[in-house]
Amino acid sequence: MRTLFGTFYSLFISLKLAVAVILGLTLALMVATFLESIYDTRTAQYFVYQSWWFTGLLGLLGVNIFFVALS
């Protein structure tokens, strides 16, 4: 039986997670670029760069890189 730590460790070192997070960041940056070109920098910052979900994506990428470095 796998431990809870082992399950999370396997998830955080997976290449699938890294690809999903990088694709999510790519889409977010595309939306931010679009918003900034149509409206202004403040709008892009409010809806993308300073949002909780963008911070979460960056944090998830950091955790993924940390666990890959440990493995």
PDB file of N, CA and C in Angstrom:
ATOM      1  N   MET A   1       0.832  -1.187   0.000  1.00  0.00           N
ATOM      2  CA  MET A   1       0.000   0.000   0.000  1.00  0.00           C
ATOM      3  C   MET A   1       0.876   1.250   0.000  1.00  0.00           C
ATOM      4  N   ARG A   2       0.563   2.169  -0.863  1.00  0.00           N
ATOM      5  CA  ARG A   2       1.354   3.394  -0.963  1.00  0.00           C
ATOM      6  C   ARG A   2       0.967   4.359   0.144  1.00  0.00           C
ATOM      7  N   THR A   3       1.950   5.071   0.592  1.00  0.00           N
ATOM      8  CA  THR A   3       1.681   6.094   1.598  1.00  0.00           C
ATOM      9  C   THR A   3       1.163   7.354   0.915  1.00  0.00           C
ATOM     10  N   LEU A   4       0.604   8.237   1.702  1.00  0.00           N
ATOM     11  CA  LEU A   4       0.110   9.500   1.165  1.00  0.00           C
ATOM     12  C   LEU A   4       1.263  10.323   0.599  1.00  0.00           C
ATOM     13  N   PHE A   5       2.402  10.316   1.289  1.00  0.00           N
ATOM     14  CA  PHE A   5       3.573  11.040   0.796  1.00  0.00           C
ATOM     15  C   PHE A   5       4.046  10.463  -0.533  1.00  0.00           C
ATOM     16  N   GLY A   6       4.045   9.137  -0.640  1.00  0.00           N
ATOM     17  CA  GLY A   6       4.468   8.500  -1.886  1.00  0.00           C
ATOM     18  C   GLY A   6       3.565   8.847  -3.051  1.00  0.00           C
ATOM     19  N   THR A   7       2.278   8.953  -2.777  1.00  0.00           N
ATOM     20  CA  THR A   7       1.326   9.332  -3.818  1.00  0.00           C
ATOM     21  C   THR A   7       1.572  10.759  -4.286  1.00  0.00           C
ATOM     22  N   PHE A   8       1.735  11.693  -3.322  1.00  0.00           N
ATOM     23  CA  PHE A   8       2.010  13.081  -3.689  1.00  0.00           C
ATOM     24  C   PHE A   8       3.373  13.214  -4.363  1.00  0.00           C
ATOM     25  N   TYR A   9       4.350  12.456  -3.904  1.00  0.00           N
ATOM     26  CA  TYR A   9       5.683  12.499  -4.507  1.00  0.00           C
ATOM     27  C   TYR A   9       5.611  12.066  -5.971  1.00  0.00           C
ATOM     28  N   SER A  10       4.881  10.983  -6.231  1.00  0.00           N
ATOM     29  CA  SER A  10       4.737  10.515  -7.617  1.00  0.00           C
ATOM     30  C   SER A  10       4.022  11.534  -8.481  1.00  0.00           C
ATOM     31  N   LEU A  11       3.035  12.210  -7.902  1.00  0.00           N
ATOM     32  CA  LEU A  11       2.314  13.236  -8.652  1.00  0.00           C
ATOM     33  C   LEU A  11       3.219  14.415  -8.969  1.00  0.00           C
ATOM     34  N   PHE A  12       3.978  14.865  -7.980  1.00  0.00           N
ATOM     35  CA  PHE A  12       4.772  16.077  -8.152  1.00  0.00           C
ATOM     36  C   PHE A  12       6.024  15.883  -9.002  1.00  0.00           C
ATOM     37  N   ILE A  13       6.465  14.643  -9.211  1.00  0.00           N
ATOM     38  CA  ILE A  13       7.620  14.442 -10.086  1.00  0.00           C
ATOM     39  C   ILE A  13       7.209  14.028 -11.497  1.00  0.00           C
ATOM     40  N   SER A  14       5.901  13.994 -11.755  1.00  0.00           N
ATOM     41  CA  SER A  14       5.464  13.512 -13.061  1.00  0.00           C
ATOM     42  C   SER A  14       5.665  14.558 -14.157  1.00  0.00           C
ATOM     43  N   LEU A  15       6.011  14.068 -15.298  1.00  0.00           N
ATOM     44  CA  LEU A  15       6.184  14.915 -16.472  1.00  0.00           C
ATOM     45  C   LEU A  15       4.838  15.449 -16.953  1.00  0.00           C
ATOM     46  N   LYS A  16       3.777  14.658 -16.757  1.00  0.00           N
ATOM     47  CA  LYS A  16       2.442  15.091 -17.160  1.00  0.00           C
ATOM     48  C   LYS A  16       2.023  16.349 -16.401  1.00  0.00           C
ATOM     49  N   LEU A  17       2.350  16.414 -15.116  1.00  0.00           N
ATOM     50  CA  LEU A  17       2.027  17.604 -14.329  1.00  0.00           C
ATOM     51  C   LEU A  17       2.804  18.803 -14.850  1.00  0.00           C
ATOM     52  N   ALA A  18       4.070  18.616 -15.142  1.00  0.00           N
ATOM     53  CA  ALA A  18       4.887  19.721 -15.651  1.00  0.00           C
ATOM     54  C   ALA A  18       4.340  20.242 -16.970  1.00  0.00           C
ATOM     55  N   VAL A  19       3.954  19.350 -17.858  1.00  0.00           N
ATOM     56  CA  VAL A  19       3.415  19.766 -19.154  1.00  0.00           C
ATOM     57  C   VAL A  19       2.086  20.493 -18.965  1.00  0.00           C
ATOM     58  N   ALA A  20       1.232  19.992 -18.089  1.00  0.00           N
ATOM     59  CA  ALA A  20      -0.057  20.634 -17.839  1.00  0.00           C
ATOM     60  C   ALA A  20       0.113  22.031 -17.253  1.00  0.00           C
ATOM     61  N   VAL A  21       1.038  22.173 -16.318  1.00  0.00           N
ATOM     62  CA  VAL A  21       1.271  23.476 -15.702  1.00  0.00           C
ATOM     63  C   VAL A  21       1.856  24.457 -16.710  1.00  0.00           C
ATOM     64  N   ILE A  22       2.792  23.999 -17.528  1.00  0.00           N
ATOM     65  CA  ILE A  22       3.395  24.877 -18.535  1.00  0.00           C
ATOM     66  C   ILE A  22       2.354  25.288 -19.575  1.00  0.00           C
ATOM     67  N   LEU A  23       1.478  24.374 -19.960  1.00  0.00           N
ATOM     68  CA  LEU A  23       0.401  24.737 -20.892  1.00  0.00           C
ATOM     69  C   LEU A  23      -0.556  25.735 -20.256  1.00  0.00           C
ATOM     70  N   GLY A  24      -0.867  25.532 -18.971  1.00  0.00           N
ATOM     71  CA  GLY A  24      -1.726  26.477 -18.264  1.00  0.00           C
ATOM     72  C   GLY A  24      -1.108  27.863 -18.193  1.00  0.00           C
ATOM     73  N   LEU A  25       0.184  27.913 -17.905  1.00  0.00           N
ATOM     74  CA  LEU A  25       0.878  29.202 -17.875  1.00  0.00           C
ATOM     75  C   LEU A  25       0.916  29.852 -19.252  1.00  0.00           C
ATOM     76  N   THR A  26       1.101  29.052 -20.279  1.00  0.00           N
ATOM     77  CA  THR A  26       1.107  29.575 -21.647  1.00  0.00           C
ATOM     78  C   THR A  26      -0.232  30.204 -21.993  1.00  0.00           C
ATOM     79  N   LEU A  27      -1.313  29.518 -21.661  1.00  0.00           N
ATOM     80  CA  LEU A  27      -2.649  30.065 -21.932  1.00  0.00           C
ATOM     81  C   LEU A  27      -2.896  31.335 -21.128  1.00  0.00           C
ATOM     82  N   ALA A  28      -2.475  31.334 -19.867  1.00  0.00           N
ATOM     83  CA  ALA A  28      -2.661  32.514 -19.026  1.00  0.00           C
ATOM     84  C   ALA A  28      -1.880  33.707 -19.575  1.00  0.00           C
ATOM     85  N   LEU A  29      -0.672  33.471 -20.030  1.00  0.00           N
ATOM     86  CA  LEU A  29       0.134  34.558 -20.585  1.00  0.00           C
ATOM     87  C   LEU A  29      -0.424  35.048 -21.917  1.00  0.00           C
ATOM     88  N   MET A  30      -1.022  34.152 -22.685  1.00  0.00           N
ATOM     89  CA  MET A  30      -1.680  34.579 -23.921  1.00  0.00           C
ATOM     90  C   MET A  30      -2.865  35.489 -23.612  1.00  0.00           C
ATOM     91  N   VAL A  31      -3.666  35.101 -22.620  1.00  0.00           N
ATOM     92  CA  VAL A  31      -4.806  35.928 -22.224  1.00  0.00           C
ATOM     93  C   VAL A  31      -4.330  37.272 -21.695  1.00  0.00           C
ATOM     94  N   ALA A  32      -3.287  37.262 -20.879  1.00  0.00           N
ATOM     95  CA  ALA A  32      -2.758  38.513 -20.329  1.00  0.00           C
ATOM     96  C   ALA A  32      -2.240  39.425 -21.431  1.00  0.00           C
ATOM     97  N   THR A  33      -1.564  38.863 -22.407  1.00  0.00           N
ATOM     98  CA  THR A  33      -1.066  39.662 -23.523  1.00  0.00           C
ATOM     99  C   THR A  33      -2.219  40.259 -24.322  1.00  0.00           C
ATOM    100  N   PHE A  34      -3.245  39.461 -24.543  1.00  0.00           N
ATOM    101  CA  PHE A  34      -4.427  39.947 -25.250  1.00  0.00           C
ATOM    102  C   PHE A  34      -5.093  41.082 -24.471  1.00  0.00           C
ATOM    103  N   LEU A  35      -5.294  40.875 -23.172  1.00  0.00           N
ATOM    104  CA  LEU A  35      -5.918  41.919 -22.348  1.00  0.00           C
ATOM    105  C   LEU A  35      -5.094  43.198 -22.343  1.00  0.00           C
ATOM    106  N   GLU A  36      -3.791  43.041 -22.267  1.00  0.00           N
ATOM    107  CA  GLU A  36      -2.927  44.222 -22.225  1.00  0.00           C
ATOM    108  C   GLU A  36      -2.943  44.974 -23.554  1.00  0.00           C
ATOM    109  N   SER A  37      -3.045  44.254 -24.651  1.00  0.00           N
ATOM    110  CA  SER A  37      -3.062  44.938 -25.947  1.00  0.00           C
ATOM    111  C   SER A  37      -4.404  45.613 -26.214  1.00  0.00           C
ATOM    112  N   ILE A  38      -5.498  45.034 -25.732  1.00  0.00           N
ATOM    113  CA  ILE A  38      -6.825  45.611 -25.951  1.00  0.00           C
ATOM    114  C   ILE A  38      -7.109  46.725 -24.942  1.00  0.00           C
ATOM    115  N   TYR A  39      -6.795  46.480 -23.673  1.00  0.00           N
ATOM    116  CA  TYR A  39      -7.111  47.444 -22.624  1.00  0.00           C
ATOM    117  C   TYR A  39      -5.842  48.152 -22.159  1.00  0.00           C
ATOM    118  N   ASP A  40      -5.326  47.753 -21.003  1.00  0.00           N
ATOM    119  CA  ASP A  40      -4.096  48.360 -20.492  1.00  0.00           C
ATOM    120  C   ASP A  40      -3.405  47.381 -19.543  1.00  0.00           C
ATOM    121  N   THR A  41      -2.264  47.799 -19.035  1.00  0.00           N
ATOM    122  CA  THR A  41      -1.462  46.937 -18.165  1.00  0.00           C
ATOM    123  C   THR A  41      -2.181  46.632 -16.860  1.00  0.00           C
ATOM    124  N   ARG A  42      -2.867  47.606 -16.308  1.00  0.00           N
ATOM    125  CA  ARG A  42      -3.578  47.378 -15.038  1.00  0.00           C
ATOM    126  C   ARG A  42      -4.628  46.285 -15.156  1.00  0.00           C
ATOM    127  N   THR A  43      -5.318  46.236 -16.271  1.00  0.00           N
ATOM    128  CA  THR A  43      -6.342  45.209 -16.481  1.00  0.00           C
ATOM    129  C   THR A  43      -5.713  43.821 -16.524  1.00  0.00           C
ATOM    130  N   ALA A  44      -4.620  43.688 -17.241  1.00  0.00           N
ATOM    131  CA  ALA A  44      -3.926  42.401 -17.316  1.00  0.00           C
ATOM    132  C   ALA A  44      -3.390  41.998 -15.953  1.00  0.00           C
ATOM    133  N   GLN A  45      -2.870  42.941 -15.204  1.00  0.00           N
ATOM    134  CA  GLN A  45      -2.373  42.631 -13.865  1.00  0.00           C
ATOM    135  C   GLN A  45      -3.504  42.187 -12.957  1.00  0.00           C
ATOM    136  N   TYR A  46      -4.637  42.865 -13.021  1.00  0.00           N
ATOM    137  CA  TYR A  46      -5.756  42.547 -12.135  1.00  0.00           C
ATOM    138  C   TYR A  46      -6.324  41.163 -12.437  1.00  0.00           C
ATOM    139  N   PHE A  47      -6.564  40.869 -13.705  1.00  0.00           N
ATOM    140  CA  PHE A  47      -7.235  39.625 -14.068  1.00  0.00           C
ATOM    141  C   PHE A  47      -6.300  38.426 -14.186  1.00  0.00           C
ATOM    142  N   VAL A  48      -5.011  38.643 -14.394  1.00  0.00           N
ATOM    143  CA  VAL A  48      -4.103  37.510 -14.590  1.00  0.00           C
ATOM    144  C   VAL A  48      -2.955  37.535 -13.589  1.00  0.00           C
ATOM    145  N   TYR A  49      -2.070  38.502 -13.704  1.00  0.00           N
ATOM    146  CA  TYR A  49      -0.811  38.467 -12.979  1.00  0.00           C
ATOM    147  C   TYR A  49      -0.966  38.537 -11.464  1.00  0.00           C
ATOM    148  N   GLN A  50      -1.971  39.205 -10.954  1.00  0.00           N
ATOM    149  CA  GLN A  50      -2.157  39.323  -9.513  1.00  0.00           C
ATOM    150  C   GLN A  50      -3.302  38.460  -8.999  1.00  0.00           C
ATOM    151  N   SER A  51      -3.732  37.487  -9.784  1.00  0.00           N
ATOM    152  CA  SER A  51      -4.837  36.624  -9.377  1.00  0.00           C
ATOM    153  C   SER A  51      -4.316  35.419  -8.596  1.00  0.00           C
ATOM    154  N   TRP A  52      -5.220  34.835  -7.811  1.00  0.00           N
ATOM    155  CA  TRP A  52      -4.844  33.688  -6.972  1.00  0.00           C
ATOM    156  C   TRP A  52      -4.504  32.466  -7.825  1.00  0.00           C
ATOM    157  N   TRP A  53      -5.191  32.283  -8.939  1.00  0.00           N
ATOM    158  CA  TRP A  53      -4.958  31.084  -9.741  1.00  0.00           C
ATOM    159  C   TRP A  53      -3.628  31.150 -10.495  1.00  0.00           C
ATOM    160  N   PHE A  54      -3.198  32.356 -10.892  1.00  0.00           N
ATOM    161  CA  PHE A  54      -1.899  32.487 -11.549  1.00  0.00           C
ATOM    162  C   PHE A  54      -0.774  32.231 -10.548  1.00  0.00           C
ATOM    163  N   THR A  55      -0.952  32.759  -9.333  1.00  0.00           N
ATOM    164  CA  THR A  55       0.020  32.482  -8.267  1.00  0.00           C
ATOM    165  C   THR A  55       0.073  30.993  -7.961  1.00  0.00           C
ATOM    166  N   GLY A  56      -1.084  30.342  -7.973  1.00  0.00           N
ATOM    167  CA  GLY A  56      -1.136  28.897  -7.754  1.00  0.00           C
ATOM    168  C   GLY A  56      -0.409  28.112  -8.832  1.00  0.00           C
ATOM    169  N   LEU A  57      -0.579  28.524 -10.086  1.00  0.00           N
ATOM    170  CA  LEU A  57       0.136  27.852 -11.178  1.00  0.00           C
ATOM    171  C   LEU A  57       1.653  28.002 -11.030  1.00  0.00           C
ATOM    172  N   LEU A  58       2.092  29.213 -10.692  1.00  0.00           N
ATOM    173  CA  LEU A  58       3.531  29.422 -10.497  1.00  0.00           C
ATOM    174  C   LEU A  58       4.050  28.604  -9.316  1.00  0.00           C
ATOM    175  N   GLY A  59       3.252  28.546  -8.243  1.00  0.00           N
ATOM    176  CA  GLY A  59       3.642  27.746  -7.080  1.00  0.00           C
ATOM    177  C   GLY A  59       3.704  26.264  -7.405  1.00  0.00           C
ATOM    178  N   LEU A  60       2.733  25.785  -8.181  1.00  0.00           N
ATOM    179  CA  LEU A  60       2.724  24.373  -8.575  1.00  0.00           C
ATOM    180  C   LEU A  60       3.924  24.036  -9.451  1.00  0.00           C
ATOM    181  N   LEU A  61       4.291  24.956 -10.321  1.00  0.00           N
ATOM    182  CA  LEU A  61       5.493  24.745 -11.134  1.00  0.00           C
ATOM    183  C   LEU A  61       6.737  24.700 -10.245  1.00  0.00           C
ATOM    184  N   GLY A  62       6.798  25.581  -9.257  1.00  0.00           N
ATOM    185  CA  GLY A  62       7.931  25.574  -8.328  1.00  0.00           C
ATOM    186  C   GLY A  62       8.015  24.287  -7.529  1.00  0.00           C
ATOM    187  N   VAL A  63       6.871  23.802  -7.052  1.00  0.00           N
ATOM    188  CA  VAL A  63       6.849  22.538  -6.298  1.00  0.00           C
ATOM    189  C   VAL A  63       7.274  21.385  -7.191  1.00  0.00           C
ATOM    190  N   ASN A  64       6.785  21.386  -8.432  1.00  0.00           N
ATOM    191  CA  ASN A  64       7.156  20.342  -9.387  1.00  0.00           C
ATOM    192  C   ASN A  64       8.657  20.337  -9.638  1.00  0.00           C
ATOM    193  N   ILE A  65       9.244  21.486  -9.861  1.00  0.00           N
ATOM    194  CA  ILE A  65      10.680  21.584 -10.101  1.00  0.00           C
ATOM    195  C   ILE A  65      11.464  21.156  -8.867  1.00  0.00           C
ATOM    196  N   PHE A  66      10.978  21.541  -7.680  1.00  0.00           N
ATOM    197  CA  PHE A  66      11.655  21.157  -6.434  1.00  0.00           C
ATOM    198  C   PHE A  66      11.683  19.641  -6.268  1.00  0.00           C
ATOM    199  N   PHE A  67      10.545  18.982  -6.471  1.00  0.00           N
ATOM    200  CA  PHE A  67      10.514  17.536  -6.297  1.00  0.00           C
ATOM    201  C   PHE A  67      11.278  16.789  -7.386  1.00  0.00           C
ATOM    202  N   VAL A  68      11.295  17.320  -8.604  1.00  0.00           N
ATOM    203  CA  VAL A  68      12.104  16.710  -9.651  1.00  0.00           C
ATOM    204  C   VAL A  68      13.576  16.826  -9.304  1.00  0.00           C
ATOM    205  N   ALA A  69      13.980  17.959  -8.733  1.00  0.00           N
ATOM    206  CA  ALA A  69      15.377  18.137  -8.333  1.00  0.00           C
ATOM    207  C   ALA A  69      15.732  17.170  -7.197  1.00  0.00           C
ATOM    208  N   LEU A  70      14.789  16.911  -6.300  1.00  0.00           N
ATOM    209  CA  LEU A  70      15.047  15.954  -5.225  1.00  0.00           C
ATOM    210  C   LEU A  70      15.189  14.520  -5.748  1.00  0.00           C
ATOM    211  N   SER A  71      14.428  14.216  -6.782  1.00  0.00           N
ATOM    212  CA  SER A  71      14.469  12.831  -7.283  1.00  0.00           C
ATOM    213  C   SER A  71      15.753  12.627  -8.064  1.00  0.00           C
TER     214      SER A  71
END
